[in-house]
Amino acid sequence: MERCHLVRRSVEAPTLAGYCNDVGVTEGRDGAQLLGRVPLSADSRKEGVEVLLGCLEDDGSIVKTFAMPALADLALKDEHLYPALVPVIEGLTATGTPAMRARGRQLLRRLVTTP
C-alpha cells in the first residue's frame, strides 16, 4: 500500500513541511486532518493542496475521506483555490465509497452556503 507523505522536502518553519516536522506528522490520515486546520500562508496552502491531492492517490479510502474536509477548508480559506477544489470534492462524492459520498455531500452543502 502506498502512503501519502506530507513532508516532501526539508525546509525551515514556518513553511508547511517545517510545521509538520515540528509536530511530528509525516503521513496518512493524521496529516490530512492537520492541513485544513493549521494557519497557512498562501504558498503553504498551495503546497498543502498538492499534498492532499496526492493523498487522493492513496489506496486507502480512509485517507481520501480524511483529505476531503481539509481540501474543503483550504477552498474556503483561499478564493483562488475554490474553483479548482470544488470539482474534486464533487467527483469524490459521485464516485467514492459510501463514507466518501456522505462526507462529500456534507462538505458541498457547507461550500455552497458559506459566503
C-alpha atoms as a PDB file:
ATOM      1  CA  MET A   1       0.000   0.000   0.000  1.00  0.00           C
ATOM      2  CA  GLU A   2       1.296   3.414  -0.934  1.00  0.00           C
ATOM      3  CA  ARG A   3       1.099   6.194   1.654  1.00  0.00           C
ATOM      4  CA  CYS A   4       0.610   9.881   1.138  1.00  0.00           C
ATOM      5  CA  HIS A   5       3.572  11.767   2.513  1.00  0.00           C
ATOM      6  CA  LEU A   6       3.157  15.228   3.952  1.00  0.00           C
ATOM      7  CA  VAL A   7       6.801  16.110   4.297  1.00  0.00           C
ATOM      8  CA  ARG A   8       8.095  16.241   0.756  1.00  0.00           C
ATOM      9  CA  ARG A   9      11.278  18.149   1.364  1.00  0.00           C
ATOM     10  CA  SER A  10      13.210  19.527   4.260  1.00  0.00           C
ATOM     11  CA  VAL A  11      12.602  23.236   4.767  1.00  0.00           C
ATOM     12  CA  GLU A  12      12.563  25.567   7.735  1.00  0.00           C
ATOM     13  CA  ALA A  13       9.416  26.521   9.653  1.00  0.00           C
ATOM     14  CA  PRO A  14       7.058  28.382   9.289  1.00  0.00           C
ATOM     15  CA  THR A  15       6.526  26.568   5.995  1.00  0.00           C
ATOM     16  CA  LEU A  16       4.110  23.660   5.846  1.00  0.00           C
ATOM     17  CA  ALA A  17       6.804  20.991   5.773  1.00  0.00           C
ATOM     18  CA  GLY A  18       8.593  22.666   8.665  1.00  0.00           C
ATOM     19  CA  TYR A  19       5.406  22.765  10.699  1.00  0.00           C
ATOM     20  CA  CYS A  20       4.732  19.091  10.004  1.00  0.00           C
ATOM     21  CA  ASN A  21       8.278  18.242  11.070  1.00  0.00           C
ATOM     22  CA  ASP A  22       7.859  20.252  14.271  1.00  0.00           C
ATOM     23  CA  VAL A  23       4.660  18.471  15.310  1.00  0.00           C
ATOM     24  CA  GLY A  24       5.802  15.047  14.116  1.00  0.00           C
ATOM     25  CA  VAL A  25       3.200  14.438  11.410  1.00  0.00           C
ATOM     26  CA  THR A  26       4.557  12.677   8.369  1.00  0.00           C
ATOM     27  CA  GLU A  27       1.866  10.711   6.594  1.00  0.00           C
ATOM     28  CA  GLY A  28      -1.632   9.309   6.377  1.00  0.00           C
ATOM     29  CA  ARG A  29      -4.929  10.444   7.742  1.00  0.00           C
ATOM     30  CA  ASP A  30      -3.455  12.438  10.648  1.00  0.00           C
ATOM     31  CA  GLY A  31      -1.593  14.631   8.204  1.00  0.00           C
ATOM     32  CA  ALA A  32      -4.651  15.024   6.019  1.00  0.00           C
ATOM     33  CA  GLN A  33      -6.645  16.216   9.026  1.00  0.00           C
ATOM     34  CA  LEU A  34      -3.948  18.653  10.061  1.00  0.00           C
ATOM     35  CA  LEU A  35      -3.670  20.513   6.767  1.00  0.00           C
ATOM     36  CA  GLY A  36      -7.133  22.027   6.846  1.00  0.00           C
ATOM     37  CA  ARG A  37      -6.811  23.232  10.420  1.00  0.00           C
ATOM     38  CA  VAL A  38      -3.444  24.925  10.743  1.00  0.00           C
ATOM     39  CA  PRO A  39      -2.949  28.543   9.696  1.00  0.00           C
ATOM     40  CA  LEU A  40      -1.011  28.517   6.433  1.00  0.00           C
ATOM     41  CA  SER A  41       0.415  31.163   4.150  1.00  0.00           C
ATOM     42  CA  ALA A  42      -0.787  31.278   0.546  1.00  0.00           C
ATOM     43  CA  ASP A  43       2.281  29.356  -0.633  1.00  0.00           C
ATOM     44  CA  SER A  44       1.824  26.742   2.075  1.00  0.00           C
ATOM     45  CA  ARG A  45      -1.869  26.385   1.183  1.00  0.00           C
ATOM     46  CA  LYS A  46      -0.872  25.601  -2.394  1.00  0.00           C
ATOM     47  CA  GLU A  47       1.675  23.091  -1.151  1.00  0.00           C
ATOM     48  CA  GLY A  48      -0.971  21.619   1.149  1.00  0.00           C
ATOM     49  CA  VAL A  49      -3.369  21.199  -1.766  1.00  0.00           C
ATOM     50  CA  GLU A  50      -0.679  19.347  -3.712  1.00  0.00           C
ATOM     51  CA  VAL A  51      -0.113  17.038  -0.763  1.00  0.00           C
ATOM     52  CA  LEU A  52      -3.828  16.423  -0.285  1.00  0.00           C
ATOM     53  CA  LEU A  53      -4.326  15.730  -3.971  1.00  0.00           C
ATOM     54  CA  GLY A  54      -1.518  13.200  -3.592  1.00  0.00           C
ATOM     55  CA  CYS A  55      -3.443  11.668  -0.687  1.00  0.00           C
ATOM     56  CA  LEU A  56      -6.312  11.067  -3.103  1.00  0.00           C
ATOM     57  CA  GLU A  57      -3.995   8.678  -4.965  1.00  0.00           C
ATOM     58  CA  ASP A  58      -3.608   6.565  -1.814  1.00  0.00           C
ATOM     59  CA  ASP A  59      -5.029   3.046  -1.896  1.00  0.00           C
ATOM     60  CA  GLY A  60      -6.837   3.540   1.407  1.00  0.00           C
ATOM     61  CA  SER A  61     -10.263   5.130   1.266  1.00  0.00           C
ATOM     62  CA  ILE A  62      -9.959   6.397   4.844  1.00  0.00           C
ATOM     63  CA  VAL A  63      -7.049   8.658   3.865  1.00  0.00           C
ATOM     64  CA  LYS A  64      -9.105  10.024   0.964  1.00  0.00           C
ATOM     65  CA  THR A  65     -12.093  10.543   3.263  1.00  0.00           C
ATOM     66  CA  PHE A  66      -9.930  12.499   5.717  1.00  0.00           C
ATOM     67  CA  ALA A  67      -8.378  14.546   2.916  1.00  0.00           C
ATOM     68  CA  MET A  68     -11.766  15.776   1.678  1.00  0.00           C
ATOM     69  CA  PRO A  69     -12.564  18.117   4.634  1.00  0.00           C
ATOM     70  CA  ALA A  70      -9.044  19.516   4.525  1.00  0.00           C
ATOM     71  CA  LEU A  71      -9.487  20.339   0.830  1.00  0.00           C
ATOM     72  CA  ALA A  72     -12.823  21.993   1.623  1.00  0.00           C
ATOM     73  CA  ASP A  73     -11.258  24.007   4.459  1.00  0.00           C
ATOM     74  CA  LEU A  74      -8.465  25.214   2.183  1.00  0.00           C
ATOM     75  CA  ALA A  75     -11.005  26.088  -0.533  1.00  0.00           C
ATOM     76  CA  LEU A  76     -12.912  28.234   1.973  1.00  0.00           C
ATOM     77  CA  LYS A  77      -9.736  29.967   3.131  1.00  0.00           C
ATOM     78  CA  ASP A  78      -8.467  30.837  -0.349  1.00  0.00           C
ATOM     79  CA  GLU A  79     -10.802  32.106  -3.065  1.00  0.00           C
ATOM     80  CA  HIS A  80      -8.212  31.263  -5.721  1.00  0.00           C
ATOM     81  CA  LEU A  81      -8.268  27.576  -4.757  1.00  0.00           C
ATOM     82  CA  TYR A  82     -12.053  27.328  -4.502  1.00  0.00           C
ATOM     83  CA  PRO A  83     -12.835  26.874  -8.233  1.00  0.00           C
ATOM     84  CA  ALA A  84     -10.263  24.090  -8.570  1.00  0.00           C
ATOM     85  CA  LEU A  85     -11.149  22.179  -5.401  1.00  0.00           C
ATOM     86  CA  VAL A  86     -14.947  22.088  -5.523  1.00  0.00           C
ATOM     87  CA  PRO A  87     -14.970  19.854  -8.656  1.00  0.00           C
ATOM     88  CA  VAL A  88     -12.519  17.494  -6.948  1.00  0.00           C
ATOM     89  CA  ILE A  89     -14.872  17.106  -3.992  1.00  0.00           C
ATOM     90  CA  GLU A  90     -17.837  16.738  -6.358  1.00  0.00           C
ATOM     91  CA  GLY A  91     -16.011  13.949  -8.200  1.00  0.00           C
ATOM     92  CA  LEU A  92     -15.198  12.089  -4.989  1.00  0.00           C
ATOM     93  CA  THR A  93     -18.803  12.494  -3.879  1.00  0.00           C
ATOM     94  CA  ALA A  94     -20.030  10.955  -7.113  1.00  0.00           C
ATOM     95  CA  THR A  95     -17.610   8.022  -7.320  1.00  0.00           C
ATOM     96  CA  GLY A  96     -16.248   7.320  -3.843  1.00  0.00           C
ATOM     97  CA  THR A  97     -17.087   4.866  -1.116  1.00  0.00           C
ATOM     98  CA  PRO A  98     -20.315   5.374   0.861  1.00  0.00           C
ATOM     99  CA  ALA A  99     -18.344   7.239   3.552  1.00  0.00           C
ATOM    100  CA  MET A 100     -16.751   9.498   0.940  1.00  0.00           C
ATOM    101  CA  ARG A 101     -20.116  10.205  -0.660  1.00  0.00           C
ATOM    102  CA  ALA A 102     -21.683  11.091   2.707  1.00  0.00           C
ATOM    103  CA  ARG A 103     -18.752  13.305   3.674  1.00  0.00           C
ATOM    104  CA  GLY A 104     -18.800  14.926   0.246  1.00  0.00           C
ATOM    105  CA  ARG A 105     -22.493  15.810   0.496  1.00  0.00           C
ATOM    106  CA  GLN A 106     -21.881  17.499   3.861  1.00  0.00           C
ATOM    107  CA  LEU A 107     -18.876  19.389   2.553  1.00  0.00           C
ATOM    108  CA  LEU A 108     -20.600  20.541  -0.625  1.00  0.00           C
ATOM    109  CA  ARG A 109     -23.519  21.921   1.408  1.00  0.00           C
ATOM    110  CA  ARG A 110     -21.012  23.829   3.533  1.00  0.00           C
ATOM    111  CA  LEU A 111     -19.092  25.081   0.483  1.00  0.00           C
ATOM    112  CA  VAL A 112     -22.245  26.316  -1.243  1.00  0.00           C
ATOM    113  CA  THR A 113     -23.741  28.048   1.808  1.00  0.00           C
ATOM    114  CA  THR A 114     -20.567  29.711   3.090  1.00  0.00           C
ATOM    115  CA  PRO A 115     -20.112  33.187   1.601  1.00  0.00           C
END
